[in-house]
N, C-alpha and C. Protein backbone atom coordinates (compact mmCIF):
# COMPACT_ATOMS: atom_id res chain seq x y z
N MET A 1 0.92 -1.08 -0.08
CA MET A 1 0.35 -0.03 -0.27
C MET A 1 1.06 1.16 -0.19
N ASN A 2 0.85 2.27 -0.76
CA ASN A 2 1.74 3.23 -1.54
C ASN A 2 1.81 4.69 0.07
N SER A 3 2.10 5.37 0.30
CA SER A 3 1.87 6.00 1.25
C SER A 3 0.33 7.29 0.81
N SER A 4 0.31 7.97 -0.72
CA SER A 4 -1.43 8.08 -0.66
C SER A 4 -2.57 7.38 0.15
N ALA A 5 -2.09 5.80 -0.89
CA ALA A 5 -3.25 5.29 -0.30
C ALA A 5 -3.71 5.17 0.84
N ASP A 6 -2.69 5.16 2.06
CA ASP A 6 -2.65 4.76 3.59
C ASP A 6 -2.62 6.19 3.91
N GLU A 7 -2.71 7.40 3.18
CA GLU A 7 -3.36 9.15 3.29
C GLU A 7 -4.30 8.62 2.88
N ALA A 8 -4.81 7.98 1.92
CA ALA A 8 -7.13 8.35 1.85
C ALA A 8 -7.54 7.73 2.96
N ALA A 9 -7.46 6.56 3.71
CA ALA A 9 -7.30 5.88 4.54
C ALA A 9 -8.09 6.62 5.28
N ILE A 10 -6.48 6.72 6.34
CA ILE A 10 -6.56 8.07 6.90
C ILE A 10 -7.48 8.99 7.70
N LEU A 11 -7.42 9.56 6.18
CA LEU A 11 -8.56 11.25 5.96
C LEU A 11 -10.00 10.59 6.45
N SER A 12 -10.04 8.90 5.14
CA SER A 12 -12.12 8.90 5.16
C SER A 12 -12.43 8.16 6.63
N ILE A 13 -11.25 8.77 7.40
CA ILE A 13 -11.76 7.63 9.16
C ILE A 13 -12.78 8.73 9.55
N GLU A 14 -13.83 7.86 10.15
CA GLU A 14 -15.23 8.87 10.72
C GLU A 14 -15.56 8.58 11.99
N ARG A 15 -15.29 7.39 12.30
CA ARG A 15 -16.29 6.54 13.72
C ARG A 15 -14.29 5.96 13.81
N PRO A 16 -15.01 5.17 14.95
CA PRO A 16 -14.13 4.20 15.45
C PRO A 16 -14.31 2.87 15.77
N HIS A 17 -14.11 1.88 15.45
CA HIS A 17 -14.44 0.82 15.40
C HIS A 17 -14.98 0.12 15.76
N ARG A 18 -16.24 -1.65 15.49
CA ARG A 18 -17.01 -1.24 16.41
C ARG A 18 -16.21 -2.34 17.46
N LYS A 19 -15.02 -2.77 16.99
CA LYS A 19 -15.04 -3.33 18.83
C LYS A 19 -14.82 -2.29 19.96
N LEU A 20 -14.49 -0.68 19.49
CA LEU A 20 -14.16 -0.32 21.04
C LEU A 20 -15.66 -0.07 21.71
N TRP A 21 -17.19 -0.77 20.49
CA TRP A 21 -17.91 -1.21 21.93
C TRP A 21 -17.71 -1.95 23.17
N THR A 22 -17.44 -3.49 21.89
CA THR A 22 -17.29 -4.54 22.61
C THR A 22 -16.22 -4.19 24.12
N TYR A 23 -15.35 -3.62 24.18
CA TYR A 23 -13.80 -3.22 24.63
C TYR A 23 -15.54 -1.96 26.14
N TYR A 24 -16.12 -0.66 25.43
CA TYR A 24 -16.92 -0.30 26.84
C TYR A 24 -17.39 -0.94 27.75
N VAL A 25 -18.42 -2.68 26.61
CA VAL A 25 -18.83 -3.13 27.40
C VAL A 25 -18.31 -4.80 28.68
N LEU A 26 -16.80 -4.19 28.05
CA LEU A 26 -15.65 -5.06 29.51
C LEU A 26 -15.90 -4.64 30.08
N PHE A 27 -15.69 -3.29 29.41
CA PHE A 27 -15.43 -1.84 30.56
C PHE A 27 -15.72 -1.67 32.10
N SER A 28 -17.08 -1.75 30.94
CA SER A 28 -18.11 -2.07 32.03
C SER A 28 -19.09 -3.23 33.13
N LEU A 29 -18.51 -3.82 32.62
CA LEU A 29 -18.81 -5.32 33.16
C LEU A 29 -17.98 -5.28 34.51
N MET A 30 -16.70 -4.83 34.33
CA MET A 30 -15.35 -5.06 35.29
C MET A 30 -16.37 -4.59 36.60
N ILE A 31 -16.60 -3.71 36.71
CA ILE A 31 -17.41 -2.73 38.14
C ILE A 31 -18.58 -3.02 37.67
N LEU A 32 -19.22 -3.91 38.19
CA LEU A 32 -20.38 -4.77 38.15
C LEU A 32 -22.15 -3.34 38.81
N PRO A 33 -20.64 -3.50 40.12
CA PRO A 33 -21.75 -2.33 40.76
C PRO A 33 -22.49 -1.07 39.79
N ALA A 34 -21.31 -0.62 38.75
CA ALA A 34 -21.68 0.73 38.27
C ALA A 34 -21.91 0.52 37.24
N ALA A 35 -22.10 -1.35 36.50
CA ALA A 35 -22.28 -1.81 34.81
C ALA A 35 -23.46 -0.61 33.92
N PRO A 36 -24.38 -0.43 34.32
CA PRO A 36 -25.43 0.10 34.13
C PRO A 36 -25.69 1.44 34.25
N VAL A 37 -24.57 2.33 35.41
CA VAL A 37 -24.18 3.28 34.02
C VAL A 37 -23.15 4.08 33.13
N LEU A 38 -22.22 3.25 33.35
CA LEU A 38 -21.75 3.40 32.45
C LEU A 38 -21.69 2.52 31.55
N LEU A 39 -22.37 1.34 31.23
CA LEU A 39 -22.56 0.66 29.60
C LEU A 39 -23.70 1.81 28.87
N LEU A 40 -24.07 2.86 30.29
CA LEU A 40 -25.75 4.16 29.27
C LEU A 40 -24.60 5.29 29.22
N TYR A 41 -23.85 5.62 29.88
CA TYR A 41 -23.00 6.57 29.54
C TYR A 41 -22.08 5.80 27.45
N HIS A 42 -21.21 4.87 28.20
CA HIS A 42 -19.92 4.59 26.63
C HIS A 42 -21.03 4.26 25.92
N TRP A 43 -22.54 3.41 25.83
CA TRP A 43 -22.81 3.89 24.90
C TRP A 43 -23.55 4.79 23.86
N PHE A 44 -23.60 6.17 23.88
CA PHE A 44 -23.70 7.04 23.79
C PHE A 44 -23.02 7.97 23.77
N ARG A 45 -21.91 7.79 24.27
CA ARG A 45 -20.03 7.91 23.58
C ARG A 45 -19.29 7.22 22.27
N TYR A 46 -19.64 6.59 22.59
CA TYR A 46 -19.87 5.13 21.59
C TYR A 46 -20.21 5.69 20.03
N GLN A 47 -21.98 5.73 19.73
CA GLN A 47 -22.90 6.63 19.28
C GLN A 47 -22.93 8.06 18.54
N THR A 48 -21.88 8.68 19.53
CA THR A 48 -21.95 10.03 18.67
C THR A 48 -20.39 10.53 19.31
N LEU A 49 -19.29 9.89 19.01
CA LEU A 49 -18.17 10.01 18.41
C LEU A 49 -17.47 9.92 17.02
N ARG A 50 -17.06 10.83 16.50
CA ARG A 50 -16.81 11.01 15.91
C ARG A 50 -15.58 11.88 15.26
N TYR A 51 -14.99 11.53 13.97
CA TYR A 51 -13.30 11.81 13.65
C TYR A 51 -13.41 12.98 12.18
N ARG A 52 -12.59 13.86 12.64
CA ARG A 52 -11.80 14.53 10.83
C ARG A 52 -11.35 14.46 11.58
N PHE A 53 -10.14 14.02 10.28
CA PHE A 53 -8.98 14.41 9.65
C PHE A 53 -9.26 15.40 7.97
N SER A 54 -8.52 16.22 8.09
CA SER A 54 -8.97 17.70 7.30
C SER A 54 -7.19 17.39 7.03
N ASP A 55 -7.12 19.32 5.98
CA ASP A 55 -5.56 18.92 5.61
C ASP A 55 -5.54 19.73 5.94
N GLU A 56 -5.68 21.25 7.76
CA GLU A 56 -5.27 21.53 7.88
C GLU A 56 -5.48 21.84 9.41
N GLY A 57 -5.84 19.47 10.03
CA GLY A 57 -6.10 19.63 11.46
C GLY A 57 -7.34 18.59 11.49
N LEU A 58 -7.39 18.07 13.08
CA LEU A 58 -7.39 17.74 12.87
C LEU A 58 -8.90 17.37 14.48
N SER A 59 -10.31 17.23 14.47
CA SER A 59 -11.33 16.95 15.28
C SER A 59 -12.40 15.69 15.77
N MET A 60 -12.11 15.69 16.57
CA MET A 60 -13.12 14.96 16.91
C MET A 60 -14.21 15.83 18.31
N SER A 61 -15.63 15.39 18.23
CA SER A 61 -16.77 15.69 18.77
C SER A 61 -17.30 14.50 19.33
N TRP A 62 -17.85 14.84 20.40
CA TRP A 62 -19.66 13.54 21.37
C TRP A 62 -19.77 14.11 22.34
N GLY A 63 -21.04 13.46 22.58
CA GLY A 63 -21.84 13.46 23.24
C GLY A 63 -23.40 14.11 22.80
N ILE A 64 -24.16 13.86 23.65
CA ILE A 64 -26.12 14.44 23.66
C ILE A 64 -26.08 15.79 24.46
N LEU A 65 -25.67 15.13 25.08
CA LEU A 65 -26.73 16.46 27.12
C LEU A 65 -24.99 17.56 26.87
N PHE A 66 -24.34 16.99 26.80
CA PHE A 66 -23.37 17.92 27.13
C PHE A 66 -22.38 17.33 25.53
N ARG A 67 -22.31 18.47 24.43
CA ARG A 67 -21.79 18.15 22.76
C ARG A 67 -19.88 18.93 23.44
N ARG A 68 -19.22 17.98 23.16
CA ARG A 68 -17.62 18.61 23.26
C ARG A 68 -16.94 18.19 21.75
N GLU A 69 -16.40 19.32 21.23
CA GLU A 69 -15.79 19.49 19.89
C GLU A 69 -14.13 19.75 20.33
N VAL A 70 -13.60 18.71 20.01
CA VAL A 70 -11.86 19.62 20.35
C VAL A 70 -11.40 19.05 18.94
N ILE A 71 -10.24 20.89 18.72
CA ILE A 71 -10.20 20.80 16.98
C ILE A 71 -8.57 21.38 17.37
N ILE A 72 -7.33 20.66 16.38
CA ILE A 72 -6.33 20.77 16.57
C ILE A 72 -5.39 20.26 15.20
N HIS A 73 -5.19 22.11 14.79
CA HIS A 73 -4.20 21.78 14.19
C HIS A 73 -2.63 21.46 14.17
N TYR A 74 -2.36 20.52 12.74
CA TYR A 74 -1.07 19.75 13.30
C TYR A 74 0.17 21.03 13.34
N ALA A 75 -0.14 21.66 12.94
CA ALA A 75 0.83 22.51 13.40
C ALA A 75 1.53 23.01 14.94
N ARG A 76 0.68 23.11 15.70
CA ARG A 76 -0.18 22.90 17.62
C ARG A 76 0.27 21.66 17.94
N ILE A 77 0.17 20.37 17.15
CA ILE A 77 0.87 19.66 17.49
C ILE A 77 2.20 18.77 18.09
N GLN A 78 2.50 18.92 19.49
CA GLN A 78 3.86 18.52 20.24
C GLN A 78 4.86 17.46 20.03
N ASP A 79 3.32 15.99 20.43
CA ASP A 79 4.01 15.43 20.69
C ASP A 79 2.80 13.79 20.11
N ILE A 80 3.12 12.65 20.41
CA ILE A 80 2.10 11.75 19.53
C ILE A 80 2.13 10.14 20.69
N HIS A 81 1.54 9.88 21.03
CA HIS A 81 1.79 8.60 21.82
C HIS A 81 1.28 7.88 21.53
N LEU A 82 1.16 6.14 21.54
CA LEU A 82 0.26 5.56 21.48
C LEU A 82 0.34 5.00 22.58
N ARG A 83 -0.89 3.92 22.62
CA ARG A 83 -1.64 3.71 24.81
C ARG A 83 -2.40 2.19 23.98
N SER A 84 -2.03 1.16 24.82
CA SER A 84 -3.07 0.02 24.69
C SER A 84 -2.76 -0.82 25.20
N ASN A 85 -3.97 -1.01 26.41
CA ASN A 85 -3.68 -1.98 27.92
C ASN A 85 -4.34 -2.94 27.44
N VAL A 86 -4.30 -4.26 27.47
CA VAL A 86 -4.51 -6.20 27.28
C VAL A 86 -5.37 -6.25 26.54
N VAL A 87 -6.96 -5.68 26.94
CA VAL A 87 -8.14 -5.76 26.75
C VAL A 87 -7.77 -4.91 24.87
N GLU A 88 -7.08 -4.38 25.29
CA GLU A 88 -7.06 -3.89 23.91
C GLU A 88 -6.83 -4.43 22.79
N ARG A 89 -5.64 -4.80 23.07
CA ARG A 89 -4.40 -5.29 22.15
C ARG A 89 -5.04 -7.18 22.28
N TRP A 90 -6.15 -7.34 22.39
CA TRP A 90 -6.13 -8.58 21.94
C TRP A 90 -7.55 -8.26 21.76
N LEU A 91 -7.71 -7.21 21.62
CA LEU A 91 -9.47 -6.46 20.41
C LEU A 91 -8.58 -5.87 19.52
N GLY A 92 -6.77 -5.57 19.29
CA GLY A 92 -6.66 -5.38 18.02
C GLY A 92 -6.75 -3.83 18.31
N LEU A 93 -7.37 -3.02 19.16
CA LEU A 93 -7.16 -1.77 19.06
C LEU A 93 -6.43 -0.75 19.81
N GLY A 94 -6.82 0.05 19.70
CA GLY A 94 -5.66 1.27 20.18
C GLY A 94 -5.40 2.31 20.45
N ARG A 95 -5.02 3.43 21.29
CA ARG A 95 -5.39 4.94 21.73
C ARG A 95 -4.71 5.83 20.63
N VAL A 96 -4.97 6.33 20.77
CA VAL A 96 -3.31 7.79 19.69
C VAL A 96 -3.53 9.00 20.87
N LEU A 97 -2.96 9.32 21.71
CA LEU A 97 -2.91 10.47 22.27
C LEU A 97 -1.53 12.00 21.71
N VAL A 98 -2.61 12.69 21.74
CA VAL A 98 -1.76 13.39 21.16
C VAL A 98 -2.28 15.16 22.18
N GLN A 99 -0.74 15.69 22.33
CA GLN A 99 -0.54 16.61 22.92
C GLN A 99 -0.26 17.72 21.85
N THR A 100 -0.64 18.80 22.97
CA THR A 100 0.11 20.76 22.77
C THR A 100 0.65 21.43 23.19
N ALA A 101 1.23 22.32 23.26
CA ALA A 101 1.37 23.09 24.00
C ALA A 101 0.39 23.84 24.81
N SER A 102 -0.35 22.80 25.78
CA SER A 102 -1.61 23.71 26.40
C SER A 102 -1.48 23.71 28.04
N GLY A 103 -0.15 23.37 27.98
CA GLY A 103 -0.13 23.78 28.96
C GLY A 103 0.09 22.33 30.42
N SER A 104 -1.18 20.99 30.23
CA SER A 104 -1.43 20.17 30.48
C SER A 104 -0.35 19.28 30.11
N ALA A 105 -0.18 18.92 31.60
CA ALA A 105 0.18 17.53 31.46
C ALA A 105 -0.63 16.25 30.60
N SER A 106 -1.53 16.35 30.68
CA SER A 106 -2.17 14.54 29.91
C SER A 106 -2.15 15.00 27.93
N ALA A 107 -3.06 14.03 27.36
CA ALA A 107 -3.54 15.66 26.01
C ALA A 107 -4.93 15.70 25.98
N GLU A 108 -3.79 16.07 24.81
CA GLU A 108 -5.05 17.78 24.47
C GLU A 108 -6.52 16.87 24.00
N MET A 109 -6.06 15.47 23.46
CA MET A 109 -7.11 14.66 22.80
C MET A 109 -6.53 13.34 22.11
N THR A 110 -7.17 12.08 22.45
CA THR A 110 -7.34 11.15 22.67
C THR A 110 -8.31 10.73 21.51
N ILE A 111 -7.65 9.78 20.34
CA ILE A 111 -8.06 9.29 19.45
C ILE A 111 -8.60 7.75 19.86
N GLU A 112 -8.87 7.01 20.13
CA GLU A 112 -9.25 6.17 20.24
C GLU A 112 -10.30 4.96 19.26
N GLY A 113 -10.09 3.69 19.97
CA GLY A 113 -11.24 2.51 19.17
C GLY A 113 -10.03 3.01 17.81
N LEU A 114 -9.42 2.67 17.46
CA LEU A 114 -8.42 2.37 15.82
C LEU A 114 -8.34 0.76 15.85
N GLN A 115 -8.39 0.64 14.71
CA GLN A 115 -7.24 -0.65 14.23
C GLN A 115 -5.78 -0.47 13.42
N GLU A 116 -6.01 0.89 13.30
CA GLU A 116 -4.97 1.13 12.31
C GLU A 116 -4.40 2.63 12.73
N PHE A 117 -3.71 2.62 13.95
CA PHE A 117 -4.01 3.49 15.22
C PHE A 117 -1.69 3.93 14.81
N GLU A 118 -1.10 2.64 14.42
CA GLU A 118 0.20 3.25 13.71
C GLU A 118 0.67 4.20 12.45
N ALA A 119 0.14 3.86 11.75
CA ALA A 119 -0.72 4.46 10.98
C ALA A 119 -0.79 6.07 10.78
N VAL A 120 -2.03 6.23 11.75
CA VAL A 120 -2.49 7.32 12.34
C VAL A 120 -1.55 7.95 12.83
N ARG A 121 -0.83 7.29 13.95
CA ARG A 121 0.06 8.27 14.36
C ARG A 121 1.41 8.42 13.17
N ASP A 122 1.94 8.45 12.79
CA ASP A 122 1.94 8.52 11.12
C ASP A 122 2.29 9.71 10.46
N PHE A 123 1.52 8.85 10.00
CA PHE A 123 0.05 9.76 9.68
C PHE A 123 0.47 11.65 10.26
N LEU A 124 0.07 11.87 11.75
CA LEU A 124 0.27 12.71 11.80
C LEU A 124 1.29 13.08 12.28
N TYR A 125 2.53 12.47 12.72
CA TYR A 125 3.99 13.13 12.43
C TYR A 125 4.51 13.68 11.32
N GLY A 126 3.60 13.06 10.33
CA GLY A 126 4.03 14.17 9.16
C GLY A 126 2.99 14.76 7.88
N ARG A 127 2.62 15.07 9.18
CA ARG A 127 1.74 16.06 9.09
C ARG A 127 2.62 17.61 9.82
N MET A 128 2.77 17.03 10.97
CA MET A 128 3.08 18.50 12.84
C MET A 128 4.53 18.34 11.77
N ARG A 129 5.60 17.78 11.03
CA ARG A 129 6.21 18.13 10.33
C ARG A 129 6.63 19.13 8.67
N GLY A 130 4.81 19.22 8.63
CA GLY A 130 4.78 19.51 7.80
C GLY A 130 4.98 18.43 6.31
N VAL A 131 5.43 17.89 6.42
CA VAL A 131 5.48 16.67 5.16
C VAL A 131 3.64 16.50 4.36
N LYS A 132 4.23 16.18 3.29
CA LYS A 132 2.86 16.16 2.65
C LYS A 132 2.67 15.27 1.79
N HIS A 133 2.28 14.11 1.50
CA HIS A 133 2.68 12.62 0.17
C HIS A 133 2.07 12.62 -0.66
N SER A 134 1.17 13.88 -1.18
CA SER A 134 0.33 13.57 -2.26
C SER A 134 1.09 13.96 -3.58
N PRO A 135 0.80 13.29 -4.60
CA PRO A 135 1.45 13.36 -5.82
C PRO A 135 1.43 14.96 -6.24
N ALA A 136 1.01 15.48 -5.82
CA ALA A 136 0.44 17.32 -6.67
C ALA A 136 1.34 18.29 -6.18
N SER A 137 2.20 17.43 -4.93
CA SER A 137 3.25 18.32 -4.24
C SER A 137 4.60 17.72 -4.99
N SER A 138 4.74 17.17 -5.79
CA SER A 138 6.13 16.31 -5.76
C SER A 138 6.70 17.62 -6.85
N ALA A 139 7.39 18.04 -7.28
CA ALA A 139 7.86 18.64 -8.83
C ALA A 139 8.36 17.82 -9.41
N PRO A 140 8.37 17.63 -10.69
CA PRO A 140 8.81 17.52 -11.33
C PRO A 140 10.62 17.74 -11.66
N ALA A 141 11.20 16.82 -12.07
CA ALA A 141 12.63 16.96 -12.46
C ALA A 141 13.28 18.41 -12.99
N ALA A 142 12.46 17.95 -13.89
CA ALA A 142 13.29 19.51 -14.77
C ALA A 142 12.70 20.88 -13.77
N ALA A 143 11.91 20.93 -13.07
CA ALA A 143 11.56 22.12 -12.34
C ALA A 143 12.90 21.92 -10.83
N THR A 144 12.74 20.36 -10.99
CA THR A 144 13.91 20.46 -9.75
C THR A 144 15.05 20.88 -10.39
N ALA A 145 15.35 20.63 -11.25
CA ALA A 145 17.04 21.33 -11.83
C ALA A 145 16.76 22.83 -11.86
N ALA A 146 16.05 23.17 -12.21
CA ALA A 146 15.87 24.46 -11.71
C ALA A 146 16.36 25.06 -11.35
N GLN A 147 15.45 25.29 -10.70
CA GLN A 147 15.44 25.10 -8.55
C GLN A 147 16.81 25.74 -8.15
N ALA A 148 17.55 24.62 -8.39
CA ALA A 148 19.10 24.01 -7.65
C ALA A 148 20.01 24.99 -9.02
N GLY A 149 19.66 25.41 -9.75
CA GLY A 149 20.77 26.03 -10.71
C GLY A 149 20.05 28.12 -10.25
N ALA A 150 18.78 28.13 -10.34
CA ALA A 150 18.62 29.16 -9.57
C ALA A 150 18.78 29.47 -7.78
N ASP A 151 19.57 28.36 -7.22
CA ASP A 151 20.06 27.94 -5.92
C ASP A 151 20.70 28.75 -5.71
N ALA A 152 21.95 28.22 -6.97
CA ALA A 152 23.36 27.91 -6.92
C ALA A 152 23.33 29.40 -8.15
N GLU A 153 22.83 30.31 -8.28
CA GLU A 153 22.75 31.93 -8.30
C GLU A 153 23.11 32.69 -7.76
N LEU A 154 21.94 32.53 -7.20
CA LEU A 154 21.93 33.12 -5.51
C LEU A 154 22.33 32.87 -5.06
N ALA A 155 23.21 31.91 -4.10
CA ALA A 155 24.53 31.64 -3.56
C ALA A 155 25.81 32.62 -3.91
N ALA A 156 25.94 32.87 -5.02
CA ALA A 156 26.86 33.29 -5.55
C ALA A 156 26.76 34.69 -5.33
N THR A 157 25.98 34.63 -5.32
CA THR A 157 25.67 36.59 -5.15
C THR A 157 25.45 37.14 -3.86
N LEU A 158 25.15 36.30 -3.10
CA LEU A 158 25.41 36.92 -2.18
C LEU A 158 26.87 36.38 -2.27
N ARG A 159 27.15 35.50 -1.59
CA ARG A 159 29.35 35.35 -1.33
C ARG A 159 29.31 36.84 -2.07
N GLU A 160 29.22 37.06 -2.75
CA GLU A 160 29.29 38.67 -3.64
C GLU A 160 29.67 39.46 -3.19
N ILE A 161 28.59 39.75 -2.16
CA ILE A 161 27.77 40.72 -1.87
C ILE A 161 29.02 40.65 -0.45
N ALA A 162 28.67 39.68 0.36
CA ALA A 162 29.02 38.97 1.34
C ALA A 162 31.15 39.84 1.11
N GLY A 163 31.54 39.35 -0.21
CA GLY A 163 33.18 39.74 -0.37
C GLY A 163 33.46 41.73 -0.40
N GLU A 164 32.18 41.65 -1.16
CA GLU A 164 32.29 43.88 -1.21
C GLU A 164 32.45 44.03 -0.01
N LEU A 165 31.07 43.65 0.73
CA LEU A 165 30.98 43.81 2.73
C LEU A 165 31.69 43.93 2.93
N ARG A 166 32.97 42.94 3.20
CA ARG A 166 34.75 42.84 4.04
C ARG A 166 34.86 43.66 3.27
N THR A 167 35.57 44.22 2.19
CA THR A 167 36.25 45.46 2.00
C THR A 167 35.49 46.63 1.93
N LEU A 168 34.01 47.05 1.89
CA LEU A 168 33.86 48.40 2.55
C LEU A 168 34.56 48.47 4.19
N ARG A 169 33.83 47.78 4.96
CA ARG A 169 34.47 47.33 6.86
C ARG A 169 35.34 47.58 6.36
N ALA A 170 36.44 47.28 5.39
CA ALA A 170 38.37 47.43 6.16
C ALA A 170 37.97 49.02 5.70
N THR A 171 37.84 49.00 4.08
CA THR A 171 38.75 50.42 4.00
C THR A 171 37.38 51.55 4.77
N LEU A 172 36.92 51.68 5.77
CA LEU A 172 36.10 52.00 6.50
C LEU A 172 36.22 52.97 8.32
N THR A 173 37.01 51.00 8.58
CA THR A 173 37.14 51.19 10.01
C THR A 173 38.64 52.01 9.51
N PRO A 174 38.71 52.61 10.49
CA PRO A 174 40.34 53.41 10.66
C PRO A 174 41.52 51.81 11.22
N PRO A 175 43.03 52.28 11.12
CA PRO A 175 43.47 51.32 11.50
C PRO A 175 43.64 51.27 13.58
N PRO A 176 43.40 50.85 13.83
CA PRO A 176 43.90 50.69 15.45
C PRO A 176 44.71 51.47 15.80
N ALA A 177 44.43 51.27 16.55
CA ALA A 177 45.74 53.13 17.22
C ALA A 177 47.62 51.70 17.79
N LEU A 178 48.08 52.00 17.17
CA LEU A 178 49.37 51.83 18.43
C LEU A 178 49.77 52.54 19.27
N PRO A 179 49.86 51.48 20.35
CA PRO A 179 50.33 52.06 21.97
C PRO A 179 51.00 53.16 21.46
N GLU A 180 51.84 53.79 22.56
CA GLU A 180 51.96 55.23 22.35
C GLU A 180 53.70 55.45 23.40
N ASP A 181 54.68 55.31 23.06
CA ASP A 181 55.99 55.16 23.03
C ASP A 181 56.21 55.41 24.93
N PRO A 182 56.18 54.35 26.43
CA PRO A 182 56.56 55.72 27.72
C PRO A 182 57.33 56.77 26.86
N PRO A 183 57.32 58.43 27.70
CA PRO A 183 59.11 58.76 27.98
C PRO A 183 59.68 58.55 28.89
N LYS A 184 60.43 58.47 28.76
CA LYS A 184 61.52 57.84 29.36
C LYS A 184 61.93 58.66 29.62
N THR A 185 62.80 58.11 31.06
CA THR A 185 63.08 58.52 31.86
C THR A 185 64.99 59.09 32.34
N GLU A 186 65.55 59.52 33.53
CA GLU A 186 66.58 59.81 33.46
C GLU A 186 67.40 58.83 34.97
N HIS A 187 67.41 57.70 34.60
CA HIS A 187 67.40 56.98 36.26
C HIS A 187 69.01 57.87 35.94
N ALA A 188 68.93 57.82 37.25
CA ALA A 188 70.38 58.34 38.43
C ALA A 188 71.27 57.59 38.88
């Protein structure tokens, strides 16, 4: 699978994998007394959880009564972590924790319920560093050679200007003053 196909697959992610609901059920049943409340909470979270990857950034939204949406531009991303516990690994799921320079120690966004979490991490790393893998952004060889020639000409011009500035500075700067000889005194 090539990088543009990987990128298209990641840009098309809108919902978590259905195995996330299985994880939520198992997690809720582990805390038996609170299971009905947790199941209800996780059901609404699973049903409303949405992701959107775009050219500028990513967003995540969820909630019925209290709707929450987090939007992060790729340039603001500081660090990305992958996390999955034993049950998530058994289900083939993982979480991508995205941190920004917001000042908090916790992740700004946790993208959960993904099977392609490593590909998402690589995609986000590429975007946060400004790397784009689209065929339209790759330049033809002739244009690249022309750009290299223009860069070499610019470098030669800058070297010439720097040489002229050194000569001008040497001309305008007075020579360093020589220390005066101390007056001679006669000793008897």
